[in-house]
Every structure is written in C-alpha cells, then in structure tokens.
Amino acid sequence: MPLSMANIGESLEIKKVGGKEETRQFLAKLGFVAGSSVVVVSDIDGNMIVNVKDSRVAIGKDMANKIVVESVFGNSDKDWSSKEGVNENT
C-alpha cells in the first residue's frame, strides 16, 4: 500500500520507492529506501510527518503516494503477538 494510506503510529517497512529517478534519489537522501523502517507521526490531509532513519521528515501527499510500504505485522516471520501484548495461551 502507499505510505499515504498508513495509520498514525503504524510500524512499516518500505518495499519500493517509485517515481522518476530524480524523485527516487531525493527520497533516498531523506532515508526512504527499500528495507527501511518508517512510522507515521502525523497525517493532515495526506501531508505527513514520519520517523525514518531516526529523523522526523515532512512529506507531501504526492511523495507519500510514491512510497510503497508494508506493515511489519503483515510479515509471517514476525512475532506480532508479543508486540501487541496478546497472550497466546488464551
């Protein structure tokens, strides 16, 4: 899903950065590269502030649409139950 559709506070992993080469290079300099973790801090009308590479970065909706992310809880190799505080014995 595009980063623009992510929920506030959701832990995500960047899967792909699209757009023209110039746009991809610009986003890479900000830390938006495949495999990086990102967390949405705030979202106002699609304009976002996100934590990426230990920095807060503001990006517009157009840029956020070019960044494809996946929830870290969507990965089968992650133990989401311990992160959510779910008791597996219930």
PDB file of N, CA and C in Angstrom:
ATOM      1  N   MET A   1       0.848  -1.181   0.000  1.00  0.00           N
ATOM      2  CA  MET A   1       0.000   0.000   0.000  1.00  0.00           C
ATOM      3  C   MET A   1       0.889   1.237   0.000  1.00  0.00           C
ATOM      4  N   PRO A   2       0.403   2.349  -0.512  1.00  0.00           N
ATOM      5  CA  PRO A   2       1.203   3.571  -0.459  1.00  0.00           C
ATOM      6  C   PRO A   2       1.278   4.109   0.971  1.00  0.00           C
ATOM      7  N   LEU A   3       2.367   4.779   1.277  1.00  0.00           N
ATOM      8  CA  LEU A   3       2.560   5.343   2.615  1.00  0.00           C
ATOM      9  C   LEU A   3       1.418   6.282   2.987  1.00  0.00           C
ATOM     10  N   SER A   4       0.836   6.945   2.014  1.00  0.00           N
ATOM     11  CA  SER A   4      -0.250   7.888   2.282  1.00  0.00           C
ATOM     12  C   SER A   4      -1.476   7.223   2.906  1.00  0.00           C
ATOM     13  N   MET A   5      -1.597   5.901   2.800  1.00  0.00           N
ATOM     14  CA  MET A   5      -2.743   5.180   3.367  1.00  0.00           C
ATOM     15  C   MET A   5      -2.450   4.597   4.757  1.00  0.00           C
ATOM     16  N   ALA A   6      -1.250   4.776   5.256  1.00  0.00           N
ATOM     17  CA  ALA A   6      -0.867   4.196   6.546  1.00  0.00           C
ATOM     18  C   ALA A   6      -1.523   4.935   7.707  1.00  0.00           C
ATOM     19  N   ASN A   7      -1.694   4.232   8.803  1.00  0.00           N
ATOM     20  CA  ASN A   7      -2.272   4.805  10.014  1.00  0.00           C
ATOM     21  C   ASN A   7      -1.189   5.415  10.887  1.00  0.00           C
ATOM     22  N   ILE A   8      -1.574   6.404  11.664  1.00  0.00           N
ATOM     23  CA  ILE A   8      -0.645   7.041  12.595  1.00  0.00           C
ATOM     24  C   ILE A   8      -0.180   6.004  13.618  1.00  0.00           C
ATOM     25  N   GLY A   9       1.130   5.964  13.858  1.00  0.00           N
ATOM     26  CA  GLY A   9       1.708   5.055  14.835  1.00  0.00           C
ATOM     27  C   GLY A   9       2.013   3.671  14.304  1.00  0.00           C
ATOM     28  N   GLU A  10       1.628   3.370  13.076  1.00  0.00           N
ATOM     29  CA  GLU A  10       1.837   2.046  12.496  1.00  0.00           C
ATOM     30  C   GLU A  10       3.301   1.854  12.095  1.00  0.00           C
ATOM     31  N   SER A  11       3.884   0.723  12.480  1.00  0.00           N
ATOM     32  CA  SER A  11       5.252   0.390  12.089  1.00  0.00           C
ATOM     33  C   SER A  11       5.230  -0.238  10.707  1.00  0.00           C
ATOM     34  N   LEU A  12       6.020   0.321   9.804  1.00  0.00           N
ATOM     35  CA  LEU A  12       6.002  -0.104   8.414  1.00  0.00           C
ATOM     36  C   LEU A  12       7.414  -0.364   7.910  1.00  0.00           C
ATOM     37  N   GLU A  13       7.491  -1.141   6.848  1.00  0.00           N
ATOM     38  CA  GLU A  13       8.750  -1.361   6.155  1.00  0.00           C
ATOM     39  C   GLU A  13       8.578  -0.883   4.718  1.00  0.00           C
ATOM     40  N   ILE A  14       9.541  -0.109   4.232  1.00  0.00           N
ATOM     41  CA  ILE A  14       9.490   0.375   2.860  1.00  0.00           C
ATOM     42  C   ILE A  14       9.833  -0.773   1.923  1.00  0.00           C
ATOM     43  N   LYS A  15       8.965  -1.029   0.968  1.00  0.00           N
ATOM     44  CA  LYS A  15       9.163  -2.106  -0.005  1.00  0.00           C
ATOM     45  C   LYS A  15       9.692  -1.584  -1.326  1.00  0.00           C
ATOM     46  N   LYS A  16       9.244  -0.391  -1.727  1.00  0.00           N
ATOM     47  CA  LYS A  16       9.631   0.152  -3.029  1.00  0.00           C
ATOM     48  C   LYS A  16       9.403   1.654  -3.023  1.00  0.00           C
ATOM     49  N   VAL A  17      10.261   2.358  -3.733  1.00  0.00           N
ATOM     50  CA  VAL A  17      10.083   3.790  -3.926  1.00  0.00           C
ATOM     51  C   VAL A  17       9.949   4.022  -5.425  1.00  0.00           C
ATOM     52  N   GLY A  18       8.819   4.583  -5.827  1.00  0.00           N
ATOM     53  CA  GLY A  18       8.550   4.791  -7.244  1.00  0.00           C
ATOM     54  C   GLY A  18       8.820   6.217  -7.673  1.00  0.00           C
ATOM     55  N   GLY A  19       8.410   6.520  -8.879  1.00  0.00           N
ATOM     56  CA  GLY A  19       8.589   7.855  -9.422  1.00  0.00           C
ATOM     57  C   GLY A  19       9.788   7.931 -10.341  1.00  0.00           C
ATOM     58  N   LYS A  20      10.053   9.137 -10.807  1.00  0.00           N
ATOM     59  CA  LYS A  20      11.202   9.371 -11.680  1.00  0.00           C
ATOM     60  C   LYS A  20      12.496   9.183 -10.892  1.00  0.00           C
ATOM     61  N   GLU A  21      13.579   8.960 -11.613  1.00  0.00           N
ATOM     62  CA  GLU A  21      14.883   8.744 -10.979  1.00  0.00           C
ATOM     63  C   GLU A  21      15.245   9.891 -10.035  1.00  0.00           C
ATOM     64  N   GLU A  22      14.977  11.106 -10.457  1.00  0.00           N
ATOM     65  CA  GLU A  22      15.282  12.277  -9.624  1.00  0.00           C
ATOM     66  C   GLU A  22      14.509  12.226  -8.305  1.00  0.00           C
ATOM     67  N   THR A  23      13.252  11.839  -8.378  1.00  0.00           N
ATOM     68  CA  THR A  23      12.414  11.734  -7.179  1.00  0.00           C
ATOM     69  C   THR A  23      12.926  10.632  -6.259  1.00  0.00           C
ATOM     70  N   ARG A  24      13.268   9.479  -6.835  1.00  0.00           N
ATOM     71  CA  ARG A  24      13.779   8.362  -6.034  1.00  0.00           C
ATOM     72  C   ARG A  24      15.085   8.743  -5.338  1.00  0.00           C
ATOM     73  N   GLN A  25      15.960   9.458  -6.023  1.00  0.00           N
ATOM     74  CA  GLN A  25      17.216   9.883  -5.412  1.00  0.00           C
ATOM     75  C   GLN A  25      16.972  10.866  -4.278  1.00  0.00           C
ATOM     76  N   PHE A  26      16.042  11.798  -4.483  1.00  0.00           N
ATOM     77  CA  PHE A  26      15.699  12.758  -3.442  1.00  0.00           C
ATOM     78  C   PHE A  26      15.182  12.049  -2.197  1.00  0.00           C
ATOM     79  N   LEU A  27      14.261  11.106  -2.392  1.00  0.00           N
ATOM     80  CA  LEU A  27      13.703  10.369  -1.259  1.00  0.00           C
ATOM     81  C   LEU A  27      14.762   9.487  -0.588  1.00  0.00           C
ATOM     82  N   ALA A  28      15.675   8.924  -1.374  1.00  0.00           N
ATOM     83  CA  ALA A  28      16.742   8.095  -0.804  1.00  0.00           C
ATOM     84  C   ALA A  28      17.642   8.927   0.105  1.00  0.00           C
ATOM     85  N   LYS A  29      17.910  10.165  -0.263  1.00  0.00           N
ATOM     86  CA  LYS A  29      18.732  11.046   0.573  1.00  0.00           C
ATOM     87  C   LYS A  29      18.062  11.347   1.903  1.00  0.00           C
ATOM     88  N   LEU A  30      16.726  11.305   1.912  1.00  0.00           N
ATOM     89  CA  LEU A  30      15.981  11.522   3.152  1.00  0.00           C
ATOM     90  C   LEU A  30      15.869  10.250   3.990  1.00  0.00           C
ATOM     91  N   GLY A  31      16.270   9.103   3.420  1.00  0.00           N
ATOM     92  CA  GLY A  31      16.211   7.837   4.149  1.00  0.00           C
ATOM     93  C   GLY A  31      15.147   6.882   3.675  1.00  0.00           C
ATOM     94  N   PHE A  32      14.396   7.251   2.638  1.00  0.00           N
ATOM     95  CA  PHE A  32      13.325   6.401   2.120  1.00  0.00           C
ATOM     96  C   PHE A  32      13.895   5.421   1.102  1.00  0.00           C
ATOM     97  N   VAL A  33      14.420   4.304   1.597  1.00  0.00           N
ATOM     98  CA  VAL A  33      14.972   3.254   0.752  1.00  0.00           C
ATOM     99  C   VAL A  33      14.339   1.927   1.140  1.00  0.00           C
ATOM    100  N   ALA A  34      14.273   1.006   0.184  1.00  0.00           N
ATOM    101  CA  ALA A  34      13.685  -0.305   0.445  1.00  0.00           C
ATOM    102  C   ALA A  34      14.367  -0.971   1.623  1.00  0.00           C
ATOM    103  N   GLY A  35      13.559  -1.532   2.517  1.00  0.00           N
ATOM    104  CA  GLY A  35      14.064  -2.216   3.689  1.00  0.00           C
ATOM    105  C   GLY A  35      14.103  -1.359   4.936  1.00  0.00           C
ATOM    106  N   SER A  36      13.972  -0.046   4.792  1.00  0.00           N
ATOM    107  CA  SER A  36      13.995   0.852   5.947  1.00  0.00           C
ATOM    108  C   SER A  36      12.666   0.807   6.691  1.00  0.00           C
ATOM    109  N   SER A  37      12.733   1.087   7.977  1.00  0.00           N
ATOM    110  CA  SER A  37      11.526   1.180   8.798  1.00  0.00           C
ATOM    111  C   SER A  37      11.031   2.611   8.800  1.00  0.00           C
ATOM    112  N   VAL A  38       9.723   2.761   8.864  1.00  0.00           N
ATOM    113  CA  VAL A  38       9.103   4.079   8.903  1.00  0.00           C
ATOM    114  C   VAL A  38       7.861   4.014   9.788  1.00  0.00           C
ATOM    115  N   VAL A  39       7.627   5.096  10.547  1.00  0.00           N
ATOM    116  CA  VAL A  39       6.444   5.198  11.396  1.00  0.00           C
ATOM    117  C   VAL A  39       5.795   6.553  11.130  1.00  0.00           C
ATOM    118  N   VAL A  40       4.497   6.561  10.893  1.00  0.00           N
ATOM    119  CA  VAL A  40       3.764   7.805  10.667  1.00  0.00           C
ATOM    120  C   VAL A  40       3.528   8.482  12.013  1.00  0.00           C
ATOM    121  N   VAL A  41       3.980   9.736  12.130  1.00  0.00           N
ATOM    122  CA  VAL A  41       3.806  10.507  13.359  1.00  0.00           C
ATOM    123  C   VAL A  41       2.513  11.311  13.295  1.00  0.00           C
ATOM    124  N   SER A  42       2.271  11.960  12.153  1.00  0.00           N
ATOM    125  CA  SER A  42       1.019  12.706  11.986  1.00  0.00           C
ATOM    126  C   SER A  42       0.635  12.730  10.511  1.00  0.00           C
ATOM    127  N   ASP A  43      -0.647  12.962  10.286  1.00  0.00           N
ATOM    128  CA  ASP A  43      -1.190  12.994   8.926  1.00  0.00           C
ATOM    129  C   ASP A  43      -2.290  14.039   8.886  1.00  0.00           C
ATOM    130  N   ILE A  44      -2.066  15.104   8.121  1.00  0.00           N
ATOM    131  CA  ILE A  44      -3.065  16.154   7.965  1.00  0.00           C
ATOM    132  C   ILE A  44      -3.343  16.307   6.480  1.00  0.00           C
ATOM    133  N   ASP A  45      -4.510  15.857   6.055  1.00  0.00           N
ATOM    134  CA  ASP A  45      -4.925  15.919   4.647  1.00  0.00           C
ATOM    135  C   ASP A  45      -3.916  15.266   3.714  1.00  0.00           C
ATOM    136  N   GLY A  46      -3.293  14.181   4.155  1.00  0.00           N
ATOM    137  CA  GLY A  46      -2.344  13.455   3.320  1.00  0.00           C
ATOM    138  C   GLY A  46      -0.915  13.933   3.439  1.00  0.00           C
ATOM    139  N   ASN A  47      -0.691  15.111   4.008  1.00  0.00           N
ATOM    140  CA  ASN A  47       0.657  15.589   4.271  1.00  0.00           C
ATOM    141  C   ASN A  47       1.107  14.985   5.586  1.00  0.00           C
ATOM    142  N   MET A  48       2.277  14.356   5.578  1.00  0.00           N
ATOM    143  CA  MET A  48       2.672  13.530   6.713  1.00  0.00           C
ATOM    144  C   MET A  48       3.985  13.963   7.345  1.00  0.00           C
ATOM    145  N   ILE A  49       4.096  13.650   8.617  1.00  0.00           N
ATOM    146  CA  ILE A  49       5.377  13.684   9.305  1.00  0.00           C
ATOM    147  C   ILE A  49       5.648  12.242   9.698  1.00  0.00           C
ATOM    148  N   VAL A  50       6.817  11.737   9.316  1.00  0.00           N
ATOM    149  CA  VAL A  50       7.160  10.343   9.578  1.00  0.00           C
ATOM    150  C   VAL A  50       8.536  10.249  10.216  1.00  0.00           C
ATOM    151  N   ASN A  51       8.725   9.201  10.999  1.00  0.00           N
ATOM    152  CA  ASN A  51      10.042   8.865  11.524  1.00  0.00           C
ATOM    153  C   ASN A  51      10.676   7.886  10.558  1.00  0.00           C
ATOM    154  N   VAL A  52      11.842   8.245  10.042  1.00  0.00           N
ATOM    155  CA  VAL A  52      12.595   7.364   9.161  1.00  0.00           C
ATOM    156  C   VAL A  52      14.070   7.584   9.460  1.00  0.00           C
ATOM    157  N   LYS A  53      14.793   6.492   9.687  1.00  0.00           N
ATOM    158  CA  LYS A  53      16.227   6.566   9.997  1.00  0.00           C
ATOM    159  C   LYS A  53      16.511   7.528  11.151  1.00  0.00           C
ATOM    160  N   ASP A  54      15.772   7.412  12.231  1.00  0.00           N
ATOM    161  CA  ASP A  54      15.951   8.225  13.441  1.00  0.00           C
ATOM    162  C   ASP A  54      15.779   9.718  13.211  1.00  0.00           C
ATOM    163  N   SER A  55      15.028  10.103  12.191  1.00  0.00           N
ATOM    164  CA  SER A  55      14.744  11.511  11.913  1.00  0.00           C
ATOM    165  C   SER A  55      13.268  11.674  11.605  1.00  0.00           C
ATOM    166  N   ARG A  56      12.758  12.852  11.906  1.00  0.00           N
ATOM    167  CA  ARG A  56      11.381  13.181  11.514  1.00  0.00           C
ATOM    168  C   ARG A  56      11.447  13.951  10.208  1.00  0.00           C
ATOM    169  N   VAL A  57      10.653  13.505   9.256  1.00  0.00           N
ATOM    170  CA  VAL A  57      10.656  14.100   7.926  1.00  0.00           C
ATOM    171  C   VAL A  57       9.221  14.424   7.536  1.00  0.00           C
ATOM    172  N   ALA A  58       9.015  15.619   6.992  1.00  0.00           N
ATOM    173  CA  ALA A  58       7.696  16.007   6.485  1.00  0.00           C
ATOM    174  C   ALA A  58       7.678  15.758   4.985  1.00  0.00           C
ATOM    175  N   ILE A  59       6.634  15.072   4.525  1.00  0.00           N
ATOM    176  CA  ILE A  59       6.483  14.842   3.083  1.00  0.00           C
ATOM    177  C   ILE A  59       5.036  15.090   2.686  1.00  0.00           C
ATOM    178  N   GLY A  60       4.866  15.528   1.457  1.00  0.00           N
ATOM    179  CA  GLY A  60       3.538  15.796   0.922  1.00  0.00           C
ATOM    180  C   GLY A  60       2.866  14.525   0.455  1.00  0.00           C
ATOM    181  N   LYS A  61       1.583  14.645   0.178  1.00  0.00           N
ATOM    182  CA  LYS A  61       0.786  13.502  -0.244  1.00  0.00           C
ATOM    183  C   LYS A  61       1.315  12.897  -1.546  1.00  0.00           C
ATOM    184  N   ASP A  62       1.755  13.729  -2.479  1.00  0.00           N
ATOM    185  CA  ASP A  62       2.274  13.221  -3.750  1.00  0.00           C
ATOM    186  C   ASP A  62       3.493  12.333  -3.538  1.00  0.00           C
ATOM    187  N   MET A  63       4.399  12.766  -2.676  1.00  0.00           N
ATOM    188  CA  MET A  63       5.589  11.959  -2.386  1.00  0.00           C
ATOM    189  C   MET A  63       5.209  10.693  -1.622  1.00  0.00           C
ATOM    190  N   ALA A  64       4.290  10.816  -0.668  1.00  0.00           N
ATOM    191  CA  ALA A  64       3.873   9.662   0.131  1.00  0.00           C
ATOM    192  C   ALA A  64       3.225   8.594  -0.746  1.00  0.00           C
ATOM    193  N   ASN A  65       2.582   9.011  -1.834  1.00  0.00           N
ATOM    194  CA  ASN A  65       1.959   8.052  -2.753  1.00  0.00           C
ATOM    195  C   ASN A  65       2.995   7.248  -3.533  1.00  0.00           C
ATOM    196  N   LYS A  66       4.204   7.733  -3.643  1.00  0.00           N
ATOM    197  CA  LYS A  66       5.256   7.047  -4.396  1.00  0.00           C
ATOM    198  C   LYS A  66       6.011   6.016  -3.559  1.00  0.00           C
ATOM    199  N   ILE A  67       5.762   6.007  -2.249  1.00  0.00           N
ATOM    200  CA  ILE A  67       6.475   5.109  -1.342  1.00  0.00           C
ATOM    201  C   ILE A  67       5.556   3.944  -0.984  1.00  0.00           C
ATOM    202  N   VAL A  68       5.938   2.748  -1.403  1.00  0.00           N
ATOM    203  CA  VAL A  68       5.139   1.548  -1.138  1.00  0.00           C
ATOM    204  C   VAL A  68       5.655   0.912   0.149  1.00  0.00           C
ATOM    205  N   VAL A  69       4.744   0.677   1.085  1.00  0.00           N
ATOM    206  CA  VAL A  69       5.113   0.123   2.383  1.00  0.00           C
ATOM    207  C   VAL A  69       4.280  -1.109   2.701  1.00  0.00           C
ATOM    208  N   GLU A  70       4.746  -1.835   3.699  1.00  0.00           N
ATOM    209  CA  GLU A  70       4.013  -2.998   4.206  1.00  0.00           C
ATOM    210  C   GLU A  70       4.106  -2.968   5.721  1.00  0.00           C
ATOM    211  N   SER A  71       3.023  -3.285   6.377  1.00  0.00           N
ATOM    212  CA  SER A  71       3.023  -3.351   7.832  1.00  0.00           C
ATOM    213  C   SER A  71       3.975  -4.457   8.282  1.00  0.00           C
ATOM    214  N   VAL A  72       4.768  -4.184   9.315  1.00  0.00           N
ATOM    215  CA  VAL A  72       5.675  -5.225   9.799  1.00  0.00           C
ATOM    216  C   VAL A  72       4.896  -6.379  10.394  1.00  0.00           C
ATOM    217  N   PHE A  73       3.638  -6.141  10.763  1.00  0.00           N
ATOM    218  CA  PHE A  73       2.813  -7.212  11.304  1.00  0.00           C
ATOM    219  C   PHE A  73       2.290  -8.107  10.194  1.00  0.00           C
ATOM    220  N   GLY A  74       2.421  -7.685   8.934  1.00  0.00           N
ATOM    221  CA  GLY A  74       1.991  -8.483   7.798  1.00  0.00           C
ATOM    222  C   GLY A  74       2.988  -9.561   7.426  1.00  0.00           C
ATOM    223  N   ASN A  75       4.193  -9.501   7.993  1.00  0.00           N
ATOM    224  CA  ASN A  75       5.216 -10.494   7.698  1.00  0.00           C
ATOM    225  C   ASN A  75       5.012 -11.719   8.564  1.00  0.00           C
ATOM    226  N   SER A  76       4.967 -12.889   7.952  1.00  0.00           N
ATOM    227  CA  SER A  76       4.715 -14.117   8.701  1.00  0.00           C
ATOM    228  C   SER A  76       5.865 -14.487   9.614  1.00  0.00           C
ATOM    229  N   ASP A  77       7.072 -13.961   9.337  1.00  0.00           N
ATOM    230  CA  ASP A  77       8.218 -14.313  10.171  1.00  0.00           C
ATOM    231  C   ASP A  77       8.336 -13.410  11.389  1.00  0.00           C
ATOM    232  N   LYS A  78       7.441 -12.434  11.535  1.00  0.00           N
ATOM    233  CA  LYS A  78       7.456 -11.548  12.702  1.00  0.00           C
ATOM    234  C   LYS A  78       6.502 -12.102  13.755  1.00  0.00           C
ATOM    235  N   ASP A  79       6.879 -11.952  15.024  1.00  0.00           N
ATOM    236  CA  ASP A  79       6.011 -12.392  16.118  1.00  0.00           C
ATOM    237  C   ASP A  79       5.184 -11.196  16.564  1.00  0.00           C
ATOM    238  N   TRP A  80       4.056 -10.954  15.904  1.00  0.00           N
ATOM    239  CA  TRP A  80       3.236  -9.792  16.209  1.00  0.00           C
ATOM    240  C   TRP A  80       2.549  -9.896  17.552  1.00  0.00           C
ATOM    241  N   SER A  81       2.306 -11.104  18.028  1.00  0.00           N
ATOM    242  CA  SER A  81       1.549 -11.247  19.274  1.00  0.00           C
ATOM    243  C   SER A  81       2.289 -10.645  20.454  1.00  0.00           C
ATOM    244  N   SER A  82       3.607 -10.771  20.492  1.00  0.00           N
ATOM    245  CA  SER A  82       4.355 -10.203  21.610  1.00  0.00           C
ATOM    246  C   SER A  82       4.398  -8.690  21.518  1.00  0.00           C
ATOM    247  N   LYS A  83       4.345  -8.129  20.300  1.00  0.00           N
ATOM    248  CA  LYS A  83       4.362  -6.694  20.133  1.00  0.00           C
ATOM    249  C   LYS A  83       3.026  -6.076  20.501  1.00  0.00           C
ATOM    250  N   GLU A  84       1.954  -6.798  20.320  1.00  0.00           N
ATOM    251  CA  GLU A  84       0.632  -6.288  20.612  1.00  0.00           C
ATOM    252  C   GLU A  84       0.180  -6.593  22.042  1.00  0.00           C
ATOM    253  N   GLY A  85       0.977  -7.333  22.757  1.00  0.00           N
ATOM    254  CA  GLY A  85       0.604  -7.684  24.110  1.00  0.00           C
ATOM    255  C   GLY A  85      -0.450  -8.766  24.170  1.00  0.00           C
ATOM    256  N   VAL A  86      -0.578  -9.562  23.136  1.00  0.00           N
ATOM    257  CA  VAL A  86      -1.575 -10.622  23.081  1.00  0.00           C
ATOM    258  C   VAL A  86      -1.018 -11.842  23.781  1.00  0.00           C
ATOM    259  N   ASN A  87      -1.828 -12.456  24.634  1.00  0.00           N
ATOM    260  CA  ASN A  87      -1.412 -13.662  25.315  1.00  0.00           C
ATOM    261  C   ASN A  87      -1.784 -14.850  24.448  1.00  0.00           C
ATOM    262  N   GLU A  88      -0.773 -15.590  24.018  1.00  0.00           N
ATOM    263  CA  GLU A  88      -1.012 -16.725  23.120  1.00  0.00           C
ATOM    264  C   GLU A  88      -1.690 -17.892  23.831  1.00  0.00           C
ATOM    265  N   ASN A  89      -1.714 -17.907  25.133  1.00  0.00           N
ATOM    266  CA  ASN A  89      -2.264 -19.030  25.888  1.00  0.00           C
ATOM    267  C   ASN A  89      -3.746 -18.884  26.175  1.00  0.00           C
ATOM    268  N   THR A  90      -4.399 -17.870  25.627  1.00  0.00           N
ATOM    269  CA  THR A  90      -5.835 -17.701  25.912  1.00  0.00           C
ATOM    270  C   THR A  90      -6.682 -18.285  24.836  1.00  0.00           C
TER     271      THR A  90
END
